[in-house]
Amino acid sequence: MKPVRMYTTAVCPYCVRAKMLLQKRGVTQIEEIRVDLDPQQRMQMMEATGRRTVPQIFVGDTHVGGCDDLYALDASGGLMPLLGTA
């Protein structure tokens, strides 16, 4: 399974929803990068994604997007192959 990296904050309900879906799909480890604790991390996230909102989710080197993007990818059948489990 490819590694999953997610930029998050402590009180983000969309981050929680995204983590729940990933766990439901078999992801056991998510590298969480808390942008609320480290402003430099938020800057790196914005440079890498062009977005300011969390979560920002990466599967391997692929930027999936936010929570809605993750759910849309799953609904279209693209999440499992991207994770490398299908």
PDB file of N, CA and C in Angstrom:
ATOM      1  N   MET A   1       0.843  -1.173   0.000  1.00  0.00           N
ATOM      2  CA  MET A   1       0.000   0.000   0.000  1.00  0.00           C
ATOM      3  C   MET A   1       0.891   1.239   0.000  1.00  0.00           C
ATOM      4  N   LYS A   2       0.502   2.203  -0.801  1.00  0.00           N
ATOM      5  CA  LYS A   2       1.277   3.443  -0.865  1.00  0.00           C
ATOM      6  C   LYS A   2       1.104   4.249   0.420  1.00  0.00           C
ATOM      7  N   PRO A   3       2.122   5.023   0.782  1.00  0.00           N
ATOM      8  CA  PRO A   3       2.003   5.860   1.980  1.00  0.00           C
ATOM      9  C   PRO A   3       1.002   6.991   1.758  1.00  0.00           C
ATOM     10  N   VAL A   4       0.312   7.349   2.837  1.00  0.00           N
ATOM     11  CA  VAL A   4      -0.665   8.436   2.798  1.00  0.00           C
ATOM     12  C   VAL A   4      -0.183   9.542   3.717  1.00  0.00           C
ATOM     13  N   ARG A   5      -0.178  10.756   3.167  1.00  0.00           N
ATOM     14  CA  ARG A   5       0.220  11.947   3.926  1.00  0.00           C
ATOM     15  C   ARG A   5      -0.950  12.924   3.887  1.00  0.00           C
ATOM     16  N   MET A   6      -1.278  13.507   5.039  1.00  0.00           N
ATOM     17  CA  MET A   6      -2.416  14.401   5.099  1.00  0.00           C
ATOM     18  C   MET A   6      -2.069  15.634   5.934  1.00  0.00           C
ATOM     19  N   TYR A   7      -2.275  16.798   5.348  1.00  0.00           N
ATOM     20  CA  TYR A   7      -2.134  18.055   6.075  1.00  0.00           C
ATOM     21  C   TYR A   7      -3.454  18.302   6.803  1.00  0.00           C
ATOM     22  N   THR A   8      -3.381  18.544   8.127  1.00  0.00           N
ATOM     23  CA  THR A   8      -4.585  18.652   8.945  1.00  0.00           C
ATOM     24  C   THR A   8      -4.459  19.775   9.968  1.00  0.00           C
ATOM     25  N   THR A   9      -5.578  19.999  10.661  1.00  0.00           N
ATOM     26  CA  THR A   9      -5.591  20.812  11.878  1.00  0.00           C
ATOM     27  C   THR A   9      -6.317  20.008  12.953  1.00  0.00           C
ATOM     28  N   ALA A  10      -6.258  20.469  14.194  1.00  0.00           N
ATOM     29  CA  ALA A  10      -6.812  19.714  15.320  1.00  0.00           C
ATOM     30  C   ALA A  10      -8.335  19.605  15.269  1.00  0.00           C
ATOM     31  N   VAL A  11      -9.013  20.633  14.834  1.00  0.00           N
ATOM     32  CA  VAL A  11     -10.479  20.670  14.944  1.00  0.00           C
ATOM     33  C   VAL A  11     -11.178  20.671  13.587  1.00  0.00           C
ATOM     34  N   CYS A  12     -10.648  19.930  12.652  1.00  0.00           N
ATOM     35  CA  CYS A  12     -11.195  19.920  11.296  1.00  0.00           C
ATOM     36  C   CYS A  12     -12.095  18.700  11.092  1.00  0.00           C
ATOM     37  N   PRO A  13     -13.416  18.890  10.974  1.00  0.00           N
ATOM     38  CA  PRO A  13     -14.297  17.738  10.771  1.00  0.00           C
ATOM     39  C   PRO A  13     -14.058  17.037   9.431  1.00  0.00           C
ATOM     40  N   TYR A  14     -13.610  17.769   8.429  1.00  0.00           N
ATOM     41  CA  TYR A  14     -13.322  17.150   7.133  1.00  0.00           C
ATOM     42  C   TYR A  14     -12.089  16.254   7.208  1.00  0.00           C
ATOM     43  N   CYS A  15     -11.144  16.641   8.048  1.00  0.00           N
ATOM     44  CA  CYS A  15      -9.965  15.797   8.268  1.00  0.00           C
ATOM     45  C   CYS A  15     -10.384  14.475   8.908  1.00  0.00           C
ATOM     46  N   VAL A  16     -11.275  14.551   9.874  1.00  0.00           N
ATOM     47  CA  VAL A  16     -11.766  13.348  10.545  1.00  0.00           C
ATOM     48  C   VAL A  16     -12.493  12.451   9.550  1.00  0.00           C
ATOM     49  N   ARG A  17     -13.357  13.034   8.714  1.00  0.00           N
ATOM     50  CA  ARG A  17     -14.091  12.247   7.712  1.00  0.00           C
ATOM     51  C   ARG A  17     -13.136  11.580   6.730  1.00  0.00           C
ATOM     52  N   ALA A  18     -12.117  12.313   6.292  1.00  0.00           N
ATOM     53  CA  ALA A  18     -11.156  11.757   5.339  1.00  0.00           C
ATOM     54  C   ALA A  18     -10.392  10.601   5.970  1.00  0.00           C
ATOM     55  N   LYS A  19      -9.963  10.770   7.219  1.00  0.00           N
ATOM     56  CA  LYS A  19      -9.242   9.697   7.906  1.00  0.00           C
ATOM     57  C   LYS A  19     -10.127   8.467   8.067  1.00  0.00           C
ATOM     58  N   MET A  20     -11.401   8.679   8.369  1.00  0.00           N
ATOM     59  CA  MET A  20     -12.321   7.551   8.536  1.00  0.00           C
ATOM     60  C   MET A  20     -12.465   6.761   7.237  1.00  0.00           C
ATOM     61  N   LEU A  21     -12.595   7.466   6.118  1.00  0.00           N
ATOM     62  CA  LEU A  21     -12.719   6.775   4.834  1.00  0.00           C
ATOM     63  C   LEU A  21     -11.445   6.004   4.512  1.00  0.00           C
ATOM     64  N   LEU A  22     -10.305   6.625   4.714  1.00  0.00           N
ATOM     65  CA  LEU A  22      -9.046   5.942   4.431  1.00  0.00           C
ATOM     66  C   LEU A  22      -8.890   4.696   5.297  1.00  0.00           C
ATOM     67  N   GLN A  23      -9.243   4.803   6.565  1.00  0.00           N
ATOM     68  CA  GLN A  23      -9.163   3.640   7.452  1.00  0.00           C
ATOM     69  C   GLN A  23     -10.132   2.553   7.011  1.00  0.00           C
ATOM     70  N   LYS A  24     -11.314   2.957   6.568  1.00  0.00           N
ATOM     71  CA  LYS A  24     -12.303   2.001   6.068  1.00  0.00           C
ATOM     72  C   LYS A  24     -11.780   1.260   4.837  1.00  0.00           C
ATOM     73  N   ARG A  25     -10.906   1.908   4.079  1.00  0.00           N
ATOM     74  CA  ARG A  25     -10.344   1.314   2.865  1.00  0.00           C
ATOM     75  C   ARG A  25      -9.030   0.578   3.137  1.00  0.00           C
ATOM     76  N   GLY A  26      -8.685   0.446   4.422  1.00  0.00           N
ATOM     77  CA  GLY A  26      -7.542  -0.383   4.780  1.00  0.00           C
ATOM     78  C   GLY A  26      -6.256   0.344   5.086  1.00  0.00           C
ATOM     79  N   VAL A  27      -6.279   1.662   5.080  1.00  0.00           N
ATOM     80  CA  VAL A  27      -5.067   2.422   5.403  1.00  0.00           C
ATOM     81  C   VAL A  27      -4.865   2.372   6.920  1.00  0.00           C
ATOM     82  N   THR A  28      -3.717   1.873   7.333  1.00  0.00           N
ATOM     83  CA  THR A  28      -3.450   1.746   8.764  1.00  0.00           C
ATOM     84  C   THR A  28      -2.545   2.854   9.289  1.00  0.00           C
ATOM     85  N   GLN A  29      -1.799   3.503   8.397  1.00  0.00           N
ATOM     86  CA  GLN A  29      -0.911   4.587   8.824  1.00  0.00           C
ATOM     87  C   GLN A  29      -1.118   5.801   7.937  1.00  0.00           C
ATOM     88  N   ILE A  30      -1.347   6.927   8.571  1.00  0.00           N
ATOM     89  CA  ILE A  30      -1.473   8.208   7.872  1.00  0.00           C
ATOM     90  C   ILE A  30      -0.476   9.154   8.509  1.00  0.00           C
ATOM     91  N   GLU A  31       0.410   9.692   7.685  1.00  0.00           N
ATOM     92  CA  GLU A  31       1.342  10.705   8.189  1.00  0.00           C
ATOM     93  C   GLU A  31       0.576  12.018   8.255  1.00  0.00           C
ATOM     94  N   GLU A  32       0.294  12.456   9.471  1.00  0.00           N
ATOM     95  CA  GLU A  32      -0.432  13.709   9.653  1.00  0.00           C
ATOM     96  C   GLU A  32       0.542  14.846   9.868  1.00  0.00           C
ATOM     97  N   ILE A  33       0.342  15.903   9.113  1.00  0.00           N
ATOM     98  CA  ILE A  33       1.162  17.105   9.254  1.00  0.00           C
ATOM     99  C   ILE A  33       0.223  18.207   9.726  1.00  0.00           C
ATOM    100  N   ARG A  34       0.394  18.633  10.969  1.00  0.00           N
ATOM    101  CA  ARG A  34      -0.491  19.612  11.593  1.00  0.00           C
ATOM    102  C   ARG A  34      -0.061  21.030  11.227  1.00  0.00           C
ATOM    103  N   VAL A  35      -0.818  21.657  10.343  1.00  0.00           N
ATOM    104  CA  VAL A  35      -0.468  23.001   9.901  1.00  0.00           C
ATOM    105  C   VAL A  35      -0.874  24.066  10.913  1.00  0.00           C
ATOM    106  N   ASP A  36      -1.718  23.704  11.880  1.00  0.00           N
ATOM    107  CA  ASP A  36      -2.085  24.669  12.911  1.00  0.00           C
ATOM    108  C   ASP A  36      -0.984  24.826  13.958  1.00  0.00           C
ATOM    109  N   LEU A  37      -0.102  23.854  14.039  1.00  0.00           N
ATOM    110  CA  LEU A  37       0.999  23.915  14.997  1.00  0.00           C
ATOM    111  C   LEU A  37       2.268  24.515  14.404  1.00  0.00           C
ATOM    112  N   ASP A  38       2.362  24.497  13.079  1.00  0.00           N
ATOM    113  CA  ASP A  38       3.588  24.940  12.414  1.00  0.00           C
ATOM    114  C   ASP A  38       3.242  25.706  11.132  1.00  0.00           C
ATOM    115  N   PRO A  39       3.267  27.044  11.192  1.00  0.00           N
ATOM    116  CA  PRO A  39       2.921  27.856  10.023  1.00  0.00           C
ATOM    117  C   PRO A  39       3.797  27.545   8.805  1.00  0.00           C
ATOM    118  N   GLN A  40       5.021  27.118   9.032  1.00  0.00           N
ATOM    119  CA  GLN A  40       5.901  26.773   7.908  1.00  0.00           C
ATOM    120  C   GLN A  40       5.338  25.575   7.137  1.00  0.00           C
ATOM    121  N   GLN A  41       4.732  24.640   7.850  1.00  0.00           N
ATOM    122  CA  GLN A  41       4.113  23.489   7.192  1.00  0.00           C
ATOM    123  C   GLN A  41       2.939  23.922   6.313  1.00  0.00           C
ATOM    124  N   ARG A  42       2.174  24.918   6.779  1.00  0.00           N
ATOM    125  CA  ARG A  42       1.069  25.428   5.959  1.00  0.00           C
ATOM    126  C   ARG A  42       1.617  26.041   4.672  1.00  0.00           C
ATOM    127  N   MET A  43       2.715  26.759   4.783  1.00  0.00           N
ATOM    128  CA  MET A  43       3.330  27.351   3.585  1.00  0.00           C
ATOM    129  C   MET A  43       3.771  26.256   2.616  1.00  0.00           C
ATOM    130  N   GLN A  44       4.374  25.195   3.131  1.00  0.00           N
ATOM    131  CA  GLN A  44       4.792  24.085   2.271  1.00  0.00           C
ATOM    132  C   GLN A  44       3.587  23.428   1.618  1.00  0.00           C
ATOM    133  N   MET A  45       2.501  23.265   2.378  1.00  0.00           N
ATOM    134  CA  MET A  45       1.273  22.689   1.831  1.00  0.00           C
ATOM    135  C   MET A  45       0.745  23.550   0.696  1.00  0.00           C
ATOM    136  N   MET A  46       0.700  24.854   0.909  1.00  0.00           N
ATOM    137  CA  MET A  46       0.178  25.762  -0.111  1.00  0.00           C
ATOM    138  C   MET A  46       1.051  25.752  -1.358  1.00  0.00           C
ATOM    139  N   GLU A  47       2.362  25.676  -1.187  1.00  0.00           N
ATOM    140  CA  GLU A  47       3.258  25.607  -2.339  1.00  0.00           C
ATOM    141  C   GLU A  47       3.065  24.305  -3.108  1.00  0.00           C
ATOM    142  N   ALA A  48       2.843  23.210  -2.395  1.00  0.00           N
ATOM    143  CA  ALA A  48       2.705  21.903  -3.036  1.00  0.00           C
ATOM    144  C   ALA A  48       1.352  21.713  -3.701  1.00  0.00           C
ATOM    145  N   THR A  49       0.302  22.361  -3.167  1.00  0.00           N
ATOM    146  CA  THR A  49      -1.053  22.086  -3.649  1.00  0.00           C
ATOM    147  C   THR A  49      -1.745  23.272  -4.310  1.00  0.00           C
ATOM    148  N   GLY A  50      -1.293  24.479  -3.985  1.00  0.00           N
ATOM    149  CA  GLY A  50      -1.994  25.668  -4.461  1.00  0.00           C
ATOM    150  C   GLY A  50      -3.270  25.939  -3.678  1.00  0.00           C
ATOM    151  N   ARG A  51      -3.467  25.231  -2.577  1.00  0.00           N
ATOM    152  CA  ARG A  51      -4.677  25.369  -1.765  1.00  0.00           C
ATOM    153  C   ARG A  51      -4.311  25.742  -0.335  1.00  0.00           C
ATOM    154  N   ARG A  52      -5.267  26.405   0.356  1.00  0.00           N
ATOM    155  CA  ARG A  52      -5.033  26.827   1.735  1.00  0.00           C
ATOM    156  C   ARG A  52      -5.803  25.997   2.746  1.00  0.00           C
ATOM    157  N   THR A  53      -6.807  25.241   2.274  1.00  0.00           N
ATOM    158  CA  THR A  53      -7.695  24.532   3.190  1.00  0.00           C
ATOM    159  C   THR A  53      -7.179  23.138   3.513  1.00  0.00           C
ATOM    160  N   VAL A  54      -7.637  22.614   4.661  1.00  0.00           N
ATOM    161  CA  VAL A  54      -7.308  21.248   5.049  1.00  0.00           C
ATOM    162  C   VAL A  54      -8.590  20.427   5.045  1.00  0.00           C
ATOM    163  N   PRO A  55      -8.479  19.144   4.851  1.00  0.00           N
ATOM    164  CA  PRO A  55      -7.243  18.411   4.648  1.00  0.00           C
ATOM    165  C   PRO A  55      -6.742  18.540   3.218  1.00  0.00           C
ATOM    166  N   GLN A  56      -5.464  18.335   3.045  1.00  0.00           N
ATOM    167  CA  GLN A  56      -4.863  18.125   1.732  1.00  0.00           C
ATOM    168  C   GLN A  56      -4.206  16.763   1.817  1.00  0.00           C
ATOM    169  N   ILE A  57      -4.608  15.884   0.907  1.00  0.00           N
ATOM    170  CA  ILE A  57      -4.265  14.470   1.011  1.00  0.00           C
ATOM    171  C   ILE A  57      -3.386  14.056  -0.159  1.00  0.00           C
ATOM    172  N   PHE A  58      -2.322  13.334   0.178  1.00  0.00           N
ATOM    173  CA  PHE A  58      -1.431  12.761  -0.818  1.00  0.00           C
ATOM    174  C   PHE A  58      -1.416  11.250  -0.634  1.00  0.00           C
ATOM    175  N   VAL A  59      -1.524  10.529  -1.736  1.00  0.00           N
ATOM    176  CA  VAL A  59      -1.327   9.085  -1.735  1.00  0.00           C
ATOM    177  C   VAL A  59      -0.079   8.848  -2.572  1.00  0.00           C
ATOM    178  N   GLY A  60       0.974   8.397  -1.929  1.00  0.00           N
ATOM    179  CA  GLY A  60       2.265   8.353  -2.605  1.00  0.00           C
ATOM    180  C   GLY A  60       2.632   9.767  -2.991  1.00  0.00           C
ATOM    181  N   ASP A  61       2.973   9.978  -4.254  1.00  0.00           N
ATOM    182  CA  ASP A  61       3.312  11.317  -4.742  1.00  0.00           C
ATOM    183  C   ASP A  61       2.118  12.032  -5.369  1.00  0.00           C
ATOM    184  N   THR A  62       0.954  11.383  -5.380  1.00  0.00           N
ATOM    185  CA  THR A  62      -0.229  11.940  -6.032  1.00  0.00           C
ATOM    186  C   THR A  62      -1.043  12.783  -5.068  1.00  0.00           C
ATOM    187  N   HIS A  63      -1.284  14.039  -5.462  1.00  0.00           N
ATOM    188  CA  HIS A  63      -2.135  14.918  -4.654  1.00  0.00           C
ATOM    189  C   HIS A  63      -3.585  14.600  -4.998  1.00  0.00           C
ATOM    190  N   VAL A  64      -4.307  14.077  -4.023  1.00  0.00           N
ATOM    191  CA  VAL A  64      -5.714  13.726  -4.211  1.00  0.00           C
ATOM    192  C   VAL A  64      -6.585  14.973  -4.105  1.00  0.00           C
ATOM    193  N   GLY A  65      -6.248  15.855  -3.177  1.00  0.00           N
ATOM    194  CA  GLY A  65      -7.050  17.050  -2.928  1.00  0.00           C
ATOM    195  C   GLY A  65      -7.566  17.024  -1.511  1.00  0.00           C
ATOM    196  N   GLY A  66      -8.787  17.550  -1.323  1.00  0.00           N
ATOM    197  CA  GLY A  66      -9.391  17.604  -0.007  1.00  0.00           C
ATOM    198  C   GLY A  66     -10.328  16.441   0.246  1.00  0.00           C
ATOM    199  N   CYS A  67     -11.144  16.577   1.272  1.00  0.00           N
ATOM    200  CA  CYS A  67     -12.055  15.515   1.676  1.00  0.00           C
ATOM    201  C   CYS A  67     -13.064  15.193   0.579  1.00  0.00           C
ATOM    202  N   ASP A  68     -13.683  16.214   0.010  1.00  0.00           N
ATOM    203  CA  ASP A  68     -14.663  15.977  -1.060  1.00  0.00           C
ATOM    204  C   ASP A  68     -14.011  15.291  -2.261  1.00  0.00           C
ATOM    205  N   ASP A  69     -12.787  15.685  -2.565  1.00  0.00           N
ATOM    206  CA  ASP A  69     -12.061  15.057  -3.680  1.00  0.00           C
ATOM    207  C   ASP A  69     -11.803  13.584  -3.384  1.00  0.00           C
ATOM    208  N   LEU A  70     -11.440  13.284  -2.127  1.00  0.00           N
ATOM    209  CA  LEU A  70     -11.180  11.907  -1.722  1.00  0.00           C
ATOM    210  C   LEU A  70     -12.440  11.057  -1.859  1.00  0.00           C
ATOM    211  N   TYR A  71     -13.582  11.579  -1.387  1.00  0.00           N
ATOM    212  CA  TYR A  71     -14.840  10.845  -1.489  1.00  0.00           C
ATOM    213  C   TYR A  71     -15.253  10.660  -2.948  1.00  0.00           C
ATOM    214  N   ALA A  72     -15.036  11.669  -3.785  1.00  0.00           N
ATOM    215  CA  ALA A  72     -15.362  11.546  -5.209  1.00  0.00           C
ATOM    216  C   ALA A  72     -14.478  10.495  -5.874  1.00  0.00           C
ATOM    217  N   LEU A  73     -13.203  10.481  -5.521  1.00  0.00           N
ATOM    218  CA  LEU A  73     -12.283   9.481  -6.069  1.00  0.00           C
ATOM    219  C   LEU A  73     -12.718   8.079  -5.668  1.00  0.00           C
ATOM    220  N   ASP A  74     -13.132   7.926  -4.419  1.00  0.00           N
ATOM    221  CA  ASP A  74     -13.596   6.630  -3.938  1.00  0.00           C
ATOM    222  C   ASP A  74     -14.874   6.221  -4.671  1.00  0.00           C
ATOM    223  N   ALA A  75     -15.813   7.152  -4.835  1.00  0.00           N
ATOM    224  CA  ALA A  75     -17.087   6.857  -5.497  1.00  0.00           C
ATOM    225  C   ALA A  75     -16.892   6.448  -6.953  1.00  0.00           C
ATOM    226  N   SER A  76     -15.850   6.990  -7.587  1.00  0.00           N
ATOM    227  CA  SER A  76     -15.590   6.665  -8.995  1.00  0.00           C
ATOM    228  C   SER A  76     -14.767   5.386  -9.148  1.00  0.00           C
ATOM    229  N   GLY A  77     -14.386   4.786  -8.020  1.00  0.00           N
ATOM    230  CA  GLY A  77     -13.610   3.553  -8.067  1.00  0.00           C
ATOM    231  C   GLY A  77     -12.115   3.762  -8.223  1.00  0.00           C
ATOM    232  N   GLY A  78     -11.646   4.990  -8.043  1.00  0.00           N
ATOM    233  CA  GLY A  78     -10.234   5.281  -8.251  1.00  0.00           C
ATOM    234  C   GLY A  78      -9.355   5.219  -7.019  1.00  0.00           C
ATOM    235  N   LEU A  79      -9.954   5.193  -5.834  1.00  0.00           N
ATOM    236  CA  LEU A  79      -9.141   5.247  -4.616  1.00  0.00           C
ATOM    237  C   LEU A  79      -8.360   3.958  -4.376  1.00  0.00           C
ATOM    238  N   MET A  80      -9.020   2.838  -4.462  1.00  0.00           N
ATOM    239  CA  MET A  80      -8.345   1.576  -4.167  1.00  0.00           C
ATOM    240  C   MET A  80      -7.163   1.318  -5.106  1.00  0.00           C
ATOM    241  N   PRO A  81      -7.324   1.512  -6.424  1.00  0.00           N
ATOM    242  CA  PRO A  81      -6.141   1.348  -7.300  1.00  0.00           C
ATOM    243  C   PRO A  81      -5.019   2.326  -6.959  1.00  0.00           C
ATOM    244  N   LEU A  82      -5.379   3.565  -6.595  1.00  0.00           N
ATOM    245  CA  LEU A  82      -4.356   4.549  -6.238  1.00  0.00           C
ATOM    246  C   LEU A  82      -3.607   4.110  -4.981  1.00  0.00           C
ATOM    247  N   LEU A  83      -4.332   3.558  -4.021  1.00  0.00           N
ATOM    248  CA  LEU A  83      -3.695   3.050  -2.811  1.00  0.00           C
ATOM    249  C   LEU A  83      -2.812   1.842  -3.098  1.00  0.00           C
ATOM    250  N   GLY A  84      -3.072   1.190  -4.218  1.00  0.00           N
ATOM    251  CA  GLY A  84      -2.284   0.017  -4.580  1.00  0.00           C
ATOM    252  C   GLY A  84      -2.837  -1.258  -3.991  1.00  0.00           C
ATOM    253  N   THR A  85      -4.133  -1.260  -3.687  1.00  0.00           N
ATOM    254  CA  THR A  85      -4.741  -2.447  -3.083  1.00  0.00           C
ATOM    255  C   THR A  85      -5.735  -3.128  -4.004  1.00  0.00           C
ATOM    256  N   ALA A  86      -5.944  -2.603  -5.180  1.00  0.00           N
ATOM    257  CA  ALA A  86      -6.937  -3.226  -6.073  1.00  0.00           C
ATOM    258  C   ALA A  86      -6.265  -3.949  -7.209  1.00  0.00           C
TER     259      ALA A  86
END
